[in-house]
Amino acid sequence: MEKIAGKIRSMNLVPYLVIFYMVGITGLKLNVTHDLFRALVPFNLLLNLALLLIYHGPLNKSFAWKALAIILAGILVEMLGVNTGHVFGEYSYGRTLGLKVLGTPLIIGVNWLMLVYAGLVIASRLTTDSYHRMIITAVLMVAYDFVLEPAAISLDMWNWGGPVPLQNYLAWLVIAFVMAFFAEKSGLVNRDNKIASPLFFVQMLFFIILDVWIVISELWV
């Protein structure tokens, strides 16, 4: 298995990643394939996680419990948020992200892990200061969420019932910083992970294109 992973790590998958997400945009915007591609969103997140782990390098128990801690923390904070409205504001999850427990899709924890991991890898390219890396990671994650919101609502990932509240972004900033603090201090991240940064920015580009498409569609109508 490690031999296969090593071969994958030796490849430049970025062009294929771009093509993969462009196909995703097309599939989501064609009426005939929209429902199928929307149903594949959770599997796409799992595929992204698999790539991140492959490029991380050999895994061990220490990495596993740290990664699991962030996944569980992400699920728990979302459960608290969706059931009380006191964390991010009043919102509810739709069907797109799959299996839910207490109104919260379990896959959401995977997304928190990927964003924290990728954010720290990007931040490590910008500064050697540990706390600056945490701050940059938190800001990157808020920027990602800002770009994500219109597309996520359109795809029925979640719904606010109104404008996205400022509380949501402030909560993201604080929670992302806490998770980045844990990941940084525990040594979770392999800063040489070659797929983490491209994965983060390709996803952001994916959501930006969807956002622009949404705006154009509304203006066209």
Protein backbone atom coordinates (compact mmCIF):
# COMPACT_ATOMS: atom_id res chain seq x y z
CA MET A 1 0.00 0.00 0.00
CA GLU A 2 2.81 2.43 0.89
CA LYS A 3 4.46 1.64 -2.45
CA ILE A 4 1.30 2.73 -4.27
CA ALA A 5 1.02 5.83 -2.09
CA GLY A 6 4.64 6.69 -2.83
CA LYS A 7 4.01 6.43 -6.56
CA ILE A 8 1.00 8.74 -6.26
CA ARG A 9 3.08 11.24 -4.26
CA SER A 10 5.66 11.30 -7.05
CA MET A 11 3.01 12.49 -9.53
CA ASN A 12 1.82 16.02 -10.19
CA LEU A 13 -1.91 15.67 -9.64
CA VAL A 14 -2.73 19.38 -9.73
CA PRO A 15 -3.79 19.47 -13.43
CA TYR A 16 -6.02 16.44 -12.83
CA LEU A 17 -7.43 18.12 -9.73
CA VAL A 18 -8.37 21.19 -11.77
CA ILE A 19 -10.00 19.04 -14.45
CA PHE A 20 -11.84 17.05 -11.77
CA TYR A 21 -13.39 20.18 -10.29
CA MET A 22 -14.22 21.66 -13.69
CA VAL A 23 -16.12 18.46 -14.46
CA GLY A 24 -17.85 18.93 -11.11
CA ILE A 25 -18.96 22.45 -12.02
CA THR A 26 -20.32 21.23 -15.34
CA GLY A 27 -22.13 18.32 -13.71
CA LEU A 28 -23.72 20.55 -11.09
CA LYS A 29 -24.89 23.09 -13.65
CA LEU A 30 -26.41 20.66 -16.15
CA ASN A 31 -30.01 19.81 -15.24
CA VAL A 32 -29.62 16.21 -16.36
CA THR A 33 -26.67 15.52 -14.00
CA HIS A 34 -27.27 18.06 -11.20
CA ASP A 35 -28.88 15.64 -8.72
CA LEU A 36 -26.22 12.98 -9.30
CA PHE A 37 -23.30 15.36 -8.79
CA ARG A 38 -24.91 16.90 -5.72
CA ALA A 39 -25.30 13.41 -4.23
CA LEU A 40 -21.58 12.83 -4.84
CA VAL A 41 -20.47 15.81 -2.71
CA PRO A 42 -19.77 13.74 0.46
CA PHE A 43 -17.75 11.24 -1.57
CA ASN A 44 -15.77 14.10 -3.07
CA LEU A 45 -14.86 15.26 0.44
CA LEU A 46 -13.71 11.75 1.33
CA LEU A 47 -11.63 11.57 -1.86
CA ASN A 48 -10.01 14.91 -1.00
CA LEU A 49 -9.21 13.61 2.48
CA ALA A 50 -7.66 10.47 0.99
CA LEU A 51 -5.40 12.60 -1.23
CA LEU A 52 -4.40 14.77 1.71
CA LEU A 53 -3.50 11.68 3.76
CA ILE A 54 -1.57 10.05 0.93
CA TYR A 55 0.56 13.15 0.45
CA HIS A 56 0.98 13.51 4.21
CA GLY A 57 3.21 10.46 4.13
CA PRO A 58 3.23 7.31 6.26
CA LEU A 59 0.49 7.49 8.89
CA ASN A 60 0.78 6.44 12.52
CA LYS A 61 -1.37 6.29 15.66
CA SER A 62 -0.18 9.70 16.81
CA PHE A 63 -1.39 11.36 13.61
CA ALA A 64 -4.64 9.36 13.69
CA TRP A 65 -5.74 10.54 17.13
CA LYS A 66 -4.83 14.17 16.39
CA ALA A 67 -6.75 14.11 13.10
CA LEU A 68 -9.69 12.36 14.77
CA ALA A 69 -9.69 14.98 17.53
CA ILE A 70 -10.18 17.77 14.98
CA ILE A 71 -12.84 15.80 13.09
CA LEU A 72 -14.80 15.17 16.29
CA ALA A 73 -14.35 18.75 17.46
CA GLY A 74 -15.70 19.97 14.12
CA ILE A 75 -18.74 17.69 14.37
CA LEU A 76 -19.44 18.65 17.98
CA VAL A 77 -19.19 22.39 17.42
CA GLU A 78 -21.50 22.08 14.41
CA MET A 79 -23.96 20.03 16.47
CA LEU A 80 -23.92 22.71 19.13
CA GLY A 81 -24.30 25.40 16.51
CA VAL A 82 -27.16 23.89 14.55
CA ASN A 83 -29.14 22.86 17.64
CA THR A 84 -28.77 26.07 19.65
CA GLY A 85 -28.08 28.87 17.17
CA HIS A 86 -25.61 30.29 19.69
CA VAL A 87 -22.38 29.54 17.80
CA PHE A 88 -22.74 30.50 14.14
CA GLY A 89 -26.30 31.82 14.17
CA GLU A 90 -29.59 30.18 13.20
CA TYR A 91 -29.09 27.67 10.38
CA SER A 92 -30.01 24.14 9.35
CA TYR A 93 -28.36 21.51 7.18
CA GLY A 94 -29.90 20.26 3.97
CA ARG A 95 -29.58 16.83 2.38
CA THR A 96 -26.48 17.33 0.25
CA LEU A 97 -23.84 16.48 2.86
CA GLY A 98 -25.36 13.10 3.64
CA LEU A 99 -25.88 11.20 6.89
CA LYS A 100 -26.80 13.43 9.82
CA VAL A 101 -26.76 12.94 13.58
CA LEU A 102 -28.61 15.54 15.67
CA GLY A 103 -29.15 17.54 12.50
CA THR A 104 -25.43 17.58 11.66
CA PRO A 105 -23.80 15.76 8.73
CA LEU A 106 -20.91 13.66 10.00
CA ILE A 107 -18.84 14.50 6.92
CA ILE A 108 -18.55 18.10 8.14
CA GLY A 109 -15.78 17.07 10.53
CA VAL A 110 -13.69 15.95 7.57
CA ASN A 111 -14.04 19.41 6.05
CA TRP A 112 -12.78 21.07 9.24
CA LEU A 113 -9.73 18.78 9.26
CA MET A 114 -8.87 19.45 5.62
CA LEU A 115 -9.19 23.21 5.98
CA VAL A 116 -7.08 23.39 9.15
CA TYR A 117 -4.43 21.14 7.62
CA ALA A 118 -4.28 22.98 4.30
CA GLY A 119 -4.38 26.37 6.00
CA LEU A 120 -1.36 25.56 8.12
CA VAL A 121 0.58 24.25 5.13
CA ILE A 122 -0.11 27.50 3.26
CA ALA A 123 0.73 29.60 6.33
CA SER A 124 4.02 27.76 6.77
CA ARG A 125 5.05 29.02 3.34
CA LEU A 126 4.48 32.60 4.51
CA THR A 127 6.00 32.72 7.99
CA THR A 128 8.13 30.78 10.43
CA ASP A 129 6.34 32.24 13.45
CA SER A 130 4.03 29.68 15.04
CA TYR A 131 1.34 32.12 16.19
CA HIS A 132 1.37 33.98 12.90
CA ARG A 133 0.70 30.65 11.18
CA MET A 134 -2.32 30.09 13.41
CA ILE A 135 -3.70 33.56 12.64
CA ILE A 136 -3.12 33.18 8.89
CA THR A 137 -4.82 29.78 8.96
CA ALA A 138 -7.86 31.20 10.74
CA VAL A 139 -8.11 34.10 8.26
CA LEU A 140 -7.76 31.74 5.29
CA MET A 141 -10.54 29.55 6.65
CA VAL A 142 -12.86 32.53 7.11
CA ALA A 143 -12.11 33.64 3.55
CA TYR A 144 -12.87 30.12 2.36
CA ASP A 145 -16.19 30.10 4.22
CA PHE A 146 -17.11 33.52 2.81
CA VAL A 147 -16.59 32.19 -0.73
CA LEU A 148 -18.30 28.91 0.09
CA GLU A 149 -21.56 30.29 1.52
CA PRO A 150 -23.49 31.26 -1.67
CA ALA A 151 -22.66 27.99 -3.44
CA ALA A 152 -23.36 25.90 -0.33
CA ILE A 153 -26.78 27.47 0.10
CA SER A 154 -27.57 26.99 -3.59
CA LEU A 155 -26.57 23.31 -3.36
CA ASP A 156 -28.68 22.74 -0.23
CA MET A 157 -25.69 22.00 1.97
CA TRP A 158 -27.21 24.31 4.58
CA ASN A 159 -29.64 27.19 4.84
CA TRP A 160 -29.77 30.35 6.94
CA GLY A 161 -33.29 31.52 6.24
CA GLY A 162 -31.85 34.96 5.53
CA PRO A 163 -28.50 36.73 5.11
CA VAL A 164 -25.42 35.00 6.53
CA PRO A 165 -24.85 36.65 9.93
CA LEU A 166 -21.57 38.30 10.90
CA GLN A 167 -21.64 35.98 13.92
CA ASN A 168 -20.90 33.06 11.58
CA TYR A 169 -17.61 34.53 10.37
CA LEU A 170 -16.54 35.63 13.84
CA ALA A 171 -17.22 32.13 15.16
CA TRP A 172 -15.25 30.63 12.28
CA LEU A 173 -12.32 32.91 13.07
CA VAL A 174 -12.21 31.87 16.74
CA ILE A 175 -12.84 28.15 16.21
CA ALA A 176 -10.38 27.97 13.31
CA PHE A 177 -7.71 29.62 15.44
CA VAL A 178 -8.28 27.14 18.30
CA MET A 179 -8.09 24.18 15.92
CA ALA A 180 -5.00 25.62 14.24
CA PHE A 181 -3.43 26.08 17.68
CA PHE A 182 -4.01 22.41 18.47
CA ALA A 183 -2.79 21.24 15.05
CA GLU A 184 0.30 23.45 15.19
CA LYS A 185 1.33 22.58 18.75
CA SER A 186 0.65 18.87 18.32
CA GLY A 187 2.66 18.64 15.09
CA LEU A 188 -0.27 17.33 13.08
CA VAL A 189 0.74 18.81 9.74
CA ASN A 190 3.42 17.74 7.29
CA ARG A 191 4.41 21.12 5.87
CA ASP A 192 5.87 19.40 2.79
CA ASN A 193 2.45 18.06 1.81
CA LYS A 194 2.37 18.97 -1.90
CA ILE A 195 -1.37 18.57 -2.46
CA ALA A 196 -2.68 20.57 0.53
CA SER A 197 -2.23 24.08 -0.90
CA PRO A 198 -3.50 23.23 -4.42
CA LEU A 199 -6.48 21.43 -2.94
CA PHE A 200 -7.41 24.48 -0.86
CA PHE A 201 -7.10 26.98 -3.72
CA VAL A 202 -8.70 24.76 -6.37
CA GLN A 203 -11.70 24.31 -4.07
CA MET A 204 -11.89 28.07 -3.51
CA LEU A 205 -11.78 28.63 -7.28
CA PHE A 206 -14.51 26.00 -7.68
CA PHE A 207 -16.80 27.87 -5.28
CA ILE A 208 -15.95 31.29 -6.76
CA ILE A 209 -16.99 30.04 -10.22
CA LEU A 210 -20.22 28.64 -8.78
CA ASP A 211 -20.87 31.95 -6.99
CA VAL A 212 -20.35 33.93 -10.19
CA TRP A 213 -22.62 31.52 -12.04
CA ILE A 214 -25.32 32.05 -9.41
CA VAL A 215 -25.06 35.84 -9.71
CA ILE A 216 -25.18 35.71 -13.51
CA SER A 217 -28.19 33.38 -13.40
CA GLU A 218 -30.05 35.76 -11.08
CA LEU A 219 -29.26 38.77 -13.28
CA TRP A 220 -30.23 36.86 -16.41
CA VAL A 221 -33.66 36.08 -14.96
